[in-house]
C-alpha atoms as a PDB file:
ATOM      1  CA  MET A   1    -243.648 -75.774 -55.092  1.00  0.00           C
ATOM      2  CA  VAL A   2    -244.984 -78.875 -56.884  1.00  0.00           C
ATOM      3  CA  ASN A   3    -242.103 -78.660 -59.223  1.00  0.00           C
ATOM      4  CA  LYS A   4    -240.116 -80.413 -56.396  1.00  0.00           C
ATOM      5  CA  ILE A   5    -242.391 -83.438 -56.687  1.00  0.00           C
ATOM      6  CA  LEU A   6    -241.516 -83.715 -60.441  1.00  0.00           C
ATOM      7  CA  ASN A   7    -237.835 -82.679 -60.163  1.00  0.00           C
ATOM      8  CA  ASN A   8    -237.143 -85.030 -57.433  1.00  0.00           C
ATOM      9  CA  SER A   9    -238.727 -88.192 -59.179  1.00  0.00           C
ATOM     10  CA  MET A  10    -241.245 -88.517 -56.262  1.00  0.00           C
ATOM     11  CA  MET A  11    -243.870 -89.718 -58.718  1.00  0.00           C
ATOM     12  CA  SER A  12    -243.635 -93.135 -60.385  1.00  0.00           C
ATOM     13  CA  GLU A  13    -242.572 -93.276 -64.008  1.00  0.00           C
ATOM     14  CA  ASP A  14    -245.502 -93.144 -66.401  1.00  0.00           C
ATOM     15  CA  SER A  15    -247.789 -91.446 -63.824  1.00  0.00           C
ATOM     16  CA  VAL A  16    -250.080 -88.470 -63.194  1.00  0.00           C
ATOM     17  CA  TRP A  17    -251.174 -86.825 -59.982  1.00  0.00           C
ATOM     18  CA  ILE A  18    -254.808 -85.417 -60.229  1.00  0.00           C
ATOM     19  CA  MET A  19    -255.961 -82.863 -57.720  1.00  0.00           C
ATOM     20  CA  TYR A  20    -259.561 -81.943 -57.447  1.00  0.00           C
ATOM     21  CA  ASN A  21    -260.733 -78.754 -55.755  1.00  0.00           C
ATOM     22  CA  SER A  22    -264.011 -76.993 -55.335  1.00  0.00           C
ATOM     23  CA  GLU A  23    -264.811 -74.260 -52.977  1.00  0.00           C
ATOM     24  CA  ASN A  24    -261.388 -74.796 -51.550  1.00  0.00           C
ATOM     25  CA  CYS A  25    -262.377 -78.228 -50.082  1.00  0.00           C
ATOM     26  CA  ASP A  26    -258.704 -79.508 -50.713  1.00  0.00           C
ATOM     27  CA  PRO A  27    -256.236 -77.618 -48.482  1.00  0.00           C
ATOM     28  CA  TYR A  28    -253.323 -78.948 -50.454  1.00  0.00           C
ATOM     29  CA  PHE A  29    -254.671 -77.787 -53.759  1.00  0.00           C
ATOM     30  CA  SER A  30    -255.146 -74.382 -52.176  1.00  0.00           C
ATOM     31  CA  LYS A  31    -251.695 -74.348 -50.674  1.00  0.00           C
ATOM     32  CA  PHE A  32    -249.735 -75.668 -53.523  1.00  0.00           C
ATOM     33  CA  ILE A  33    -251.683 -74.924 -56.692  1.00  0.00           C
ATOM     34  CA  THR A  34    -254.052 -71.916 -56.123  1.00  0.00           C
ATOM     35  CA  ASN A  35    -256.684 -70.785 -53.772  1.00  0.00           C
ATOM     36  CA  LYS A  36    -258.208 -68.456 -56.372  1.00  0.00           C
ATOM     37  CA  THR A  37    -260.871 -70.783 -57.650  1.00  0.00           C
ATOM     38  CA  VAL A  38    -264.476 -71.458 -56.584  1.00  0.00           C
ATOM     39  CA  VAL A  39    -266.004 -73.613 -59.069  1.00  0.00           C
ATOM     40  CA  SER A  40    -264.678 -77.241 -59.633  1.00  0.00           C
ATOM     41  CA  THR A  41    -261.123 -77.195 -60.771  1.00  0.00           C
ATOM     42  CA  ILE A  42    -258.637 -79.986 -61.508  1.00  0.00           C
ATOM     43  CA  CYS A  43    -254.808 -79.907 -61.717  1.00  0.00           C
ATOM     44  CA  ILE A  44    -253.036 -82.632 -63.409  1.00  0.00           C
ATOM     45  CA  LEU A  45    -249.246 -83.020 -62.905  1.00  0.00           C
ATOM     46  CA  SER A  46    -247.556 -85.479 -65.481  1.00  0.00           C
ATOM     47  CA  ASN A  47    -244.481 -87.630 -65.084  1.00  0.00           C
ATOM     48  CA  ASN A  48    -245.425 -89.403 -68.272  1.00  0.00           C
ATOM     49  CA  LYS A  49    -242.588 -90.890 -70.262  1.00  0.00           C
ATOM     50  CA  LYS A  50    -243.462 -88.863 -73.349  1.00  0.00           C
ATOM     51  CA  ASN A  51    -244.568 -85.665 -71.553  1.00  0.00           C
ATOM     52  CA  LEU A  52    -242.369 -85.111 -68.649  1.00  0.00           C
ATOM     53  CA  ASN A  53    -242.999 -82.424 -65.978  1.00  0.00           C
ATOM     54  CA  GLN A  54    -246.171 -81.108 -67.645  1.00  0.00           C
ATOM     55  CA  LYS A  55    -248.852 -79.315 -65.740  1.00  0.00           C
ATOM     56  CA  PHE A  56    -252.472 -78.618 -66.513  1.00  0.00           C
ATOM     57  CA  LEU A  57    -255.082 -76.593 -64.822  1.00  0.00           C
ATOM     58  CA  LEU A  58    -258.728 -77.053 -65.709  1.00  0.00           C
ATOM     59  CA  VAL A  59    -260.674 -74.015 -64.515  1.00  0.00           C
ATOM     60  CA  HIS A  60    -264.289 -72.842 -65.140  1.00  0.00           C
ATOM     61  CA  SER A  61    -264.722 -69.696 -67.231  1.00  0.00           C
ATOM     62  CA  LEU A  62    -265.960 -67.813 -64.005  1.00  0.00           C
ATOM     63  CA  ASP A  63    -262.603 -68.428 -62.497  1.00  0.00           C
ATOM     64  CA  LYS A  64    -260.189 -67.900 -65.388  1.00  0.00           C
ATOM     65  CA  ASP A  65    -259.336 -64.373 -64.689  1.00  0.00           C
ATOM     66  CA  ASN A  66    -258.181 -65.199 -61.162  1.00  0.00           C
ATOM     67  CA  ILE A  67    -255.360 -67.600 -62.523  1.00  0.00           C
ATOM     68  CA  SER A  68    -252.110 -65.682 -63.204  1.00  0.00           C
ATOM     69  CA  ASN A  69    -249.279 -67.414 -61.600  1.00  0.00           C
ATOM     70  CA  PHE A  70    -249.800 -71.089 -62.858  1.00  0.00           C
ATOM     71  CA  ASP A  71    -246.622 -72.139 -64.765  1.00  0.00           C
ATOM     72  CA  GLY A  72    -248.341 -74.739 -66.802  1.00  0.00           C
ATOM     73  CA  GLU A  73    -251.163 -75.025 -69.433  1.00  0.00           C
ATOM     74  CA  VAL A  74    -254.479 -73.466 -68.298  1.00  0.00           C
ATOM     75  CA  ILE A  75    -257.580 -75.002 -69.905  1.00  0.00           C
ATOM     76  CA  VAL A  76    -260.956 -73.080 -69.649  1.00  0.00           C
ATOM     77  CA  TYR A  77    -264.106 -75.030 -69.522  1.00  0.00           C
ATOM     78  CA  ASN A  78    -267.889 -74.462 -69.274  1.00  0.00           C
ATOM     79  CA  GLY A  79    -270.270 -76.971 -67.667  1.00  0.00           C
ATOM     80  CA  GLU A  80    -269.688 -79.934 -65.441  1.00  0.00           C
ATOM     81  CA  ASN A  81    -269.587 -82.419 -68.350  1.00  0.00           C
ATOM     82  CA  SER A  82    -266.881 -80.368 -69.945  1.00  0.00           C
ATOM     83  CA  LEU A  83    -264.521 -80.600 -67.109  1.00  0.00           C
ATOM     84  CA  VAL A  84    -264.729 -84.630 -67.215  1.00  0.00           C
ATOM     85  CA  HIS A  85    -264.201 -84.267 -70.978  1.00  0.00           C
ATOM     86  CA  ASN A  86    -261.145 -82.082 -70.691  1.00  0.00           C
ATOM     87  CA  MET A  87    -259.767 -84.243 -68.070  1.00  0.00           C
ATOM     88  CA  THR A  88    -259.840 -87.455 -69.984  1.00  0.00           C
ATOM     89  CA  GLU A  89    -258.754 -85.719 -73.058  1.00  0.00           C
ATOM     90  CA  ILE A  90    -255.536 -84.788 -71.118  1.00  0.00           C
ATOM     91  CA  LEU A  91    -255.107 -88.485 -70.161  1.00  0.00           C
ATOM     92  CA  LYS A  92    -255.560 -89.546 -73.682  1.00  0.00           C
ATOM     93  CA  LYS A  93    -252.820 -86.843 -74.792  1.00  0.00           C
ATOM     94  CA  LEU A  94    -250.608 -88.324 -72.261  1.00  0.00           C
ATOM     95  CA  ASP A  95    -251.097 -91.824 -73.622  1.00  0.00           C
ATOM     96  CA  TYR A  96    -253.102 -93.142 -70.648  1.00  0.00           C
ATOM     97  CA  PRO A  97    -250.671 -93.081 -67.812  1.00  0.00           C
ATOM     98  CA  LYS A  98    -250.556 -96.235 -65.954  1.00  0.00           C
ATOM     99  CA  ILE A  99    -250.542 -94.787 -62.426  1.00  0.00           C
ATOM    100  CA  ILE A 100    -252.777 -92.092 -61.101  1.00  0.00           C
ATOM    101  CA  TYR A 101    -252.270 -90.442 -57.760  1.00  0.00           C
ATOM    102  CA  LEU A 102    -255.381 -89.122 -55.903  1.00  0.00           C
ATOM    103  CA  ASN A 103    -255.702 -87.013 -52.617  1.00  0.00           C
ATOM    104  CA  TYR A 104    -256.894 -89.849 -50.399  1.00  0.00           C
ATOM    105  CA  SER A 105    -254.788 -91.758 -47.687  1.00  0.00           C
ATOM    106  CA  ASP A 106    -254.443 -95.588 -47.413  1.00  0.00           C
ATOM    107  CA  LYS A 107    -252.513 -94.934 -43.969  1.00  0.00           C
ATOM    108  CA  MET A 108    -255.827 -93.877 -42.322  1.00  0.00           C
ATOM    109  CA  ASP A 109    -254.400 -90.137 -42.114  1.00  0.00           C
ATOM    110  CA  VAL A 110    -257.525 -88.134 -41.817  1.00  0.00           C
ATOM    111  CA  LEU A 111    -255.461 -84.947 -42.710  1.00  0.00           C
ATOM    112  CA  ILE A 112    -254.568 -86.552 -46.086  1.00  0.00           C
ATOM    113  CA  ASP A 113    -257.791 -88.423 -46.622  1.00  0.00           C
ATOM    114  CA  ILE A 114    -259.720 -85.437 -47.984  1.00  0.00           C
ATOM    115  CA  LEU A 115    -261.031 -86.360 -51.360  1.00  0.00           C
ATOM    116  CA  GLY A 116    -264.225 -87.987 -50.182  1.00  0.00           C
ATOM    117  CA  TYR A 117    -265.938 -91.181 -51.386  1.00  0.00           C
ATOM    118  CA  GLY A 118    -268.306 -89.611 -53.780  1.00  0.00           C
ATOM    119  CA  THR A 119    -265.631 -87.432 -55.413  1.00  0.00           C
ATOM    120  CA  TYR A 120    -263.275 -90.524 -55.644  1.00  0.00           C
ATOM    121  CA  ARG A 121    -265.862 -92.397 -57.535  1.00  0.00           C
ATOM    122  CA  PHE A 122    -266.794 -89.656 -59.770  1.00  0.00           C
ATOM    123  CA  LEU A 123    -263.163 -89.338 -60.792  1.00  0.00           C
ATOM    124  CA  THR A 124    -262.198 -92.962 -60.997  1.00  0.00           C
ATOM    125  CA  ASP A 125    -265.400 -94.104 -62.694  1.00  0.00           C
ATOM    126  CA  ASN A 126    -265.005 -91.673 -65.468  1.00  0.00           C
ATOM    127  CA  ILE A 127    -261.176 -92.334 -65.809  1.00  0.00           C
ATOM    128  CA  ILE A 128    -261.952 -96.177 -65.919  1.00  0.00           C
ATOM    129  CA  LEU A 129    -264.610 -95.676 -68.496  1.00  0.00           C
ATOM    130  CA  GLU A 130    -262.194 -93.648 -70.879  1.00  0.00           C
ATOM    131  CA  TYR A 131    -259.415 -96.221 -70.276  1.00  0.00           C
ATOM    132  CA  LYS A 132    -261.679 -99.013 -71.319  1.00  0.00           C
ATOM    133  CA  LYS A 133    -262.142 -97.469 -74.635  1.00  0.00           C
ATOM    134  CA  ALA A 134    -258.425 -97.859 -75.270  1.00  0.00           C
ATOM    135  CA  ASN A 135    -258.346-101.342 -73.692  1.00  0.00           C
ATOM    136  CA  LYS A 136    -256.266 -99.994 -70.794  1.00  0.00           C
ATOM    137  CA  SER A 137    -256.659-100.187 -67.113  1.00  0.00           C
ATOM    138  CA  PRO A 138    -255.372 -97.388 -64.593  1.00  0.00           C
ATOM    139  CA  ILE A 139    -253.893 -98.139 -61.221  1.00  0.00           C
ATOM    140  CA  PHE A 140    -255.089 -95.647 -58.485  1.00  0.00           C
ATOM    141  CA  LYS A 141    -252.528 -94.737 -55.784  1.00  0.00           C
ATOM    142  CA  SER A 142    -252.649 -92.503 -52.709  1.00  0.00           C
ATOM    143  CA  SER A 143    -250.790 -89.254 -52.985  1.00  0.00           C
ATOM    144  CA  ASP A 144    -249.970 -89.169 -49.260  1.00  0.00           C
ATOM    145  CA  GLU A 145    -246.238 -89.578 -49.794  1.00  0.00           C
ATOM    146  CA  LEU A 146    -246.275 -86.645 -52.415  1.00  0.00           C
ATOM    147  CA  ILE A 147    -247.991 -84.501 -49.970  1.00  0.00           C
ATOM    148  CA  TYR A 148    -245.792 -85.373 -46.960  1.00  0.00           C
ATOM    149  CA  PHE A 149    -242.850 -84.532 -49.195  1.00  0.00           C
ATOM    150  CA  LEU A 150    -244.333 -81.075 -49.937  1.00  0.00           C
ATOM    151  CA  LEU A 151    -245.364 -80.290 -46.418  1.00  0.00           C
ATOM    152  CA  ASP A 152    -241.954 -81.379 -45.129  1.00  0.00           C
ATOM    153  CA  THR A 153    -240.356 -78.946 -47.661  1.00  0.00           C
ATOM    154  CA  LYS A 154    -240.239 -75.377 -46.108  1.00  0.00           C
ATOM    155  CA  THR A 155    -239.372 -72.268 -47.766  1.00  0.00           C
ATOM    156  CA  GLU A 156    -237.430 -69.489 -45.998  1.00  0.00           C
ATOM    157  CA  GLU A 157    -240.724 -67.609 -45.707  1.00  0.00           C
ATOM    158  CA  ASP A 158    -242.355 -70.571 -44.092  1.00  0.00           C
ATOM    159  CA  ILE A 159    -239.507 -70.896 -41.560  1.00  0.00           C
ATOM    160  CA  PHE A 160    -239.732 -67.085 -40.855  1.00  0.00           C
ATOM    161  CA  TYR A 161    -243.285 -67.238 -39.751  1.00  0.00           C
ATOM    162  CA  MET A 162    -242.851 -70.618 -37.891  1.00  0.00           C
ATOM    163  CA  LYS A 163    -240.177 -68.901 -35.874  1.00  0.00           C
ATOM    164  CA  ILE A 164    -242.639 -66.036 -35.229  1.00  0.00           C
ATOM    165  CA  ALA A 165    -245.262 -68.366 -34.033  1.00  0.00           C
ATOM    166  CA  ALA A 166    -242.784 -70.467 -31.849  1.00  0.00           C
ATOM    167  CA  LYS A 167    -241.453 -67.166 -30.261  1.00  0.00           C
ATOM    168  CA  ARG A 168    -244.846 -65.999 -29.383  1.00  0.00           C
ATOM    169  CA  ALA A 169    -245.889 -69.155 -27.683  1.00  0.00           C
ATOM    170  CA  LEU A 170    -242.489 -69.298 -25.897  1.00  0.00           C
ATOM    171  CA  ASP A 171    -242.953 -65.814 -24.612  1.00  0.00           C
ATOM    172  CA  ILE A 172    -246.504 -66.523 -23.246  1.00  0.00           C
ATOM    173  CA  LEU A 173    -245.218 -69.874 -21.534  1.00  0.00           C
ATOM    174  CA  THR A 174    -242.300 -67.976 -19.995  1.00  0.00           C
ATOM    175  CA  ARG A 175    -244.489 -65.231 -18.458  1.00  0.00           C
ATOM    176  CA  SER A 176    -246.940 -67.845 -17.321  1.00  0.00           C
ATOM    177  CA  PHE A 177    -244.404 -70.009 -15.483  1.00  0.00           C
ATOM    178  CA  ASN A 178    -243.126 -66.816 -13.806  1.00  0.00           C
ATOM    179  CA  SER A 179    -246.578 -66.320 -12.453  1.00  0.00           C
ATOM    180  CA  ILE A 180    -247.547 -69.792 -11.225  1.00  0.00           C
ATOM    181  CA  LYS A 181    -247.861 -70.094  -7.516  1.00  0.00           C
ATOM    182  CA  ILE A 182    -248.023 -72.988  -5.154  1.00  0.00           C
ATOM    183  CA  GLY A 183    -251.703 -74.117  -4.370  1.00  0.00           C
ATOM    184  CA  MET A 184    -253.002 -73.192  -8.002  1.00  0.00           C
ATOM    185  CA  THR A 185    -254.983 -75.879  -9.720  1.00  0.00           C
ATOM    186  CA  GLU A 186    -254.291 -77.159 -13.081  1.00  0.00           C
ATOM    187  CA  LYS A 187    -257.456 -75.332 -14.344  1.00  0.00           C
ATOM    188  CA  GLN A 188    -256.354 -72.113 -12.677  1.00  0.00           C
ATOM    189  CA  ILE A 189    -252.765 -72.459 -14.326  1.00  0.00           C
ATOM    190  CA  GLN A 190    -254.468 -72.910 -17.806  1.00  0.00           C
ATOM    191  CA  ASN A 191    -256.722 -69.904 -17.155  1.00  0.00           C
ATOM    192  CA  LEU A 192    -253.691 -67.982 -16.349  1.00  0.00           C
ATOM    193  CA  VAL A 193    -252.127 -68.800 -19.807  1.00  0.00           C
ATOM    194  CA  HIS A 194    -255.423 -67.930 -21.378  1.00  0.00           C
ATOM    195  CA  LYS A 195    -255.177 -64.583 -19.671  1.00  0.00           C
ATOM    196  CA  ILE A 196    -251.661 -63.742 -20.653  1.00  0.00           C
ATOM    197  CA  SER A 197    -252.642 -64.844 -24.204  1.00  0.00           C
ATOM    198  CA  SER A 198    -255.305 -62.469 -24.320  1.00  0.00           C
ATOM    199  CA  PHE A 199    -253.185 -59.353 -23.891  1.00  0.00           C
ATOM    200  CA  ARG A 200    -253.020 -57.549 -27.220  1.00  0.00           C
ATOM    201  CA  HIS A 201    -249.803 -58.373 -28.946  1.00  0.00           C
ATOM    202  CA  SER A 202    -248.088 -56.360 -31.877  1.00  0.00           C
ATOM    203  CA  TYR A 203    -246.200 -58.336 -34.284  1.00  0.00           C
ATOM    204  CA  ASN A 204    -244.618 -55.341 -36.127  1.00  0.00           C
ATOM    205  CA  ASN A 205    -245.481 -57.373 -39.305  1.00  0.00           C
ATOM    206  CA  SER A 206    -248.380 -56.235 -41.500  1.00  0.00           C
ATOM    207  CA  ASN A 207    -248.878 -59.663 -42.969  1.00  0.00           C
ATOM    208  CA  ILE A 208    -249.910 -61.065 -39.672  1.00  0.00           C
ATOM    209  CA  ILE A 209    -253.619 -60.022 -38.951  1.00  0.00           C
ATOM    210  CA  SER A 210    -254.502 -62.097 -35.903  1.00  0.00           C
ATOM    211  CA  GLU A 211    -253.555 -65.062 -33.715  1.00  0.00           C
ATOM    212  CA  ASP A 212    -255.445 -68.069 -32.267  1.00  0.00           C
ATOM    213  CA  PHE A 213    -254.423 -71.048 -30.152  1.00  0.00           C
ATOM    214  CA  SER A 214    -252.973 -73.902 -32.257  1.00  0.00           C
ATOM    215  CA  TRP A 215    -255.703 -76.328 -31.309  1.00  0.00           C
ATOM    216  CA  GLU A 216    -259.000 -76.096 -29.140  1.00  0.00           C
ATOM    217  CA  LYS A 217    -258.822 -73.738 -26.378  1.00  0.00           C
ATOM    218  CA  GLU A 218    -260.027 -76.360 -23.688  1.00  0.00           C
ATOM    219  CA  LEU A 219    -256.809 -78.366 -24.374  1.00  0.00           C
ATOM    220  CA  CYS A 220    -254.508 -75.426 -25.058  1.00  0.00           C
ATOM    221  CA  PRO A 221    -252.581 -75.615 -22.922  1.00  0.00           C
ATOM    222  CA  ILE A 222    -252.736 -78.979 -21.597  1.00  0.00           C
ATOM    223  CA  VAL A 223    -251.649 -78.708 -17.995  1.00  0.00           C
ATOM    224  CA  LEU A 224    -250.383 -81.725 -15.896  1.00  0.00           C
ATOM    225  CA  THR A 225    -248.708 -81.482 -12.413  1.00  0.00           C
ATOM    226  CA  GLY A 226    -247.222 -84.011 -10.028  1.00  0.00           C
ATOM    227  CA  THR A 227    -248.770 -87.504 -10.150  1.00  0.00           C
ATOM    228  CA  ASN A 228    -251.138 -86.374 -12.968  1.00  0.00           C
ATOM    229  CA  LEU A 229    -248.330 -86.667 -15.464  1.00  0.00           C
ATOM    230  CA  ALA A 230    -249.125 -90.389 -15.333  1.00  0.00           C
ATOM    231  CA  LYS A 231    -252.467 -89.640 -17.193  1.00  0.00           C
ATOM    232  CA  GLY A 232    -250.512 -88.937 -20.371  1.00  0.00           C
ATOM    233  CA  GLY A 233    -250.139 -85.897 -22.443  1.00  0.00           C
ATOM    234  CA  HIS A 234    -253.668 -85.267 -23.895  1.00  0.00           C
ATOM    235  CA  SER A 235    -255.614 -85.058 -20.654  1.00  0.00           C
ATOM    236  CA  CYS A 236    -257.731 -82.108 -19.615  1.00  0.00           C
ATOM    237  CA  PRO A 237    -256.522 -79.957 -16.528  1.00  0.00           C
ATOM    238  CA  ASP A 238    -258.250 -80.883 -13.404  1.00  0.00           C
ATOM    239  CA  ASP A 239    -258.687 -79.502  -9.781  1.00  0.00           C
ATOM    240  CA  ARG A 240    -255.445 -81.110  -8.559  1.00  0.00           C
ATOM    241  CA  THR A 241    -253.432 -78.419  -6.645  1.00  0.00           C
ATOM    242  CA  LEU A 242    -249.821 -77.671  -7.258  1.00  0.00           C
ATOM    243  CA  LYS A 243    -247.635 -78.708  -4.427  1.00  0.00           C
ATOM    244  CA  PRO A 244    -243.920 -77.965  -3.680  1.00  0.00           C
ATOM    245  CA  GLY A 245    -241.597 -80.158  -5.688  1.00  0.00           C
ATOM    246  CA  ASP A 246    -244.146 -81.063  -8.384  1.00  0.00           C
ATOM    247  CA  THR A 247    -243.173 -81.083 -12.045  1.00  0.00           C
ATOM    248  CA  ILE A 248    -245.471 -79.055 -14.301  1.00  0.00           C
ATOM    249  CA  TYR A 249    -246.084 -80.149 -17.908  1.00  0.00           C
ATOM    250  CA  MET A 250    -247.561 -78.012 -20.442  1.00  0.00           C
ATOM    251  CA  ASP A 251    -248.301 -78.501 -24.084  1.00  0.00           C
ATOM    252  CA  PHE A 252    -249.206 -75.123 -25.819  1.00  0.00           C
ATOM    253  CA  GLY A 253    -249.094 -73.424 -29.139  1.00  0.00           C
ATOM    254  CA  ILE A 254    -250.117 -70.116 -30.930  1.00  0.00           C
ATOM    255  CA  GLN A 255    -251.291 -70.041 -34.471  1.00  0.00           C
ATOM    256  CA  ILE A 256    -250.590 -66.877 -36.576  1.00  0.00           C
ATOM    257  CA  HIS A 257    -252.950 -65.859 -39.367  1.00  0.00           C
ATOM    258  CA  LEU A 258    -251.653 -64.051 -42.371  1.00  0.00           C
ATOM    259  CA  ARG A 259    -253.538 -61.623 -44.650  1.00  0.00           C
ATOM    260  CA  ASP A 260    -253.470 -64.092 -47.497  1.00  0.00           C
ATOM    261  CA  GLY A 261    -255.123 -66.694 -45.519  1.00  0.00           C
ATOM    262  CA  ARG A 262    -251.926 -68.880 -44.708  1.00  0.00           C
ATOM    263  CA  LYS A 263    -251.676 -70.056 -41.019  1.00  0.00           C
ATOM    264  CA  TYR A 264    -248.518 -71.114 -39.098  1.00  0.00           C
ATOM    265  CA  SER A 265    -248.675 -72.941 -35.747  1.00  0.00           C
ATOM    266  CA  SER A 266    -246.457 -73.660 -33.120  1.00  0.00           C
ATOM    267  CA  ASP A 267    -246.390 -76.630 -30.554  1.00  0.00           C
ATOM    268  CA  ILE A 268    -244.247 -76.502 -27.502  1.00  0.00           C
END
C-alpha cells in the first residue's frame, strides 16, 4: 500500500517518511507496514534523489522472525542505542534528505497526531545531532497528507467489508423503523435499536469474528425527533415522545471485527 505514496510522487523530492512504532502505538504503521512487531520499530520510506522508492525496516532481533512480507530492506538491531544508530546511518546513506515526514498533525487532527511529544523529541533531537555533523539541517513536516491519501485509497477487499458493515447497519435501522410506535421516547427508540442489534447475526464469513457499535453505545444511535432536531446531530436522546407527523433522525453504525485485527465501520 505504501508504494502508492512513492509511485504517485506524494512525497516531496529529496525526502523520507520516518514511522516509529512500539507495542502497536501507531495504527498507521500497523495498518500499512506491519502489526507483527512489539519492540520499537522504525520504517523509512525514501524519495531521495539518489535512492528513489527505497524502503527500510529496522526491527529488534526479538521480532525479526515475524517479518516476512516487507518488500524492502530489513535491518535487525539489538538495544535501544542501536536503533538510533541504524536510523541515522540510513539517513547518511541517503545523503541527508532535506525533508523528513513524521506522524504528527499540524492540522490539530487528533487521529493523525499520534507520535507523542516525547517520541517526537527523541527522533528529531537525534536526527538534528547527526545532520549537524555534516553541516546540514533537516526540515520536519507532518505526514498527515500522506496518511490521508493512504486512508482514502481503498482496496477491493476494503470495499467488500465496508459494504458488509453498511448492509448490517441498514438492516438494523430498517427493522427498527418498522417497529417504532407513536408515543415512544427517543431513549426508548434507542433501546429498541440496541435490542435489535443484540440479536445474534451470522455473517457467513469466517474472517468476521464479532461486531460492535461504530462509536460509544450511549450515542449509537443518536436519536432526535420533531423539534429536537434543532439541537443538532450529536445530542443524546432524551425523554421527548414521538408525535404524529414528527421527523425521526438517527445516526448509527456497526463495526465489524476481522480475525486478523482489522475493523470496518459504517456510519448511516
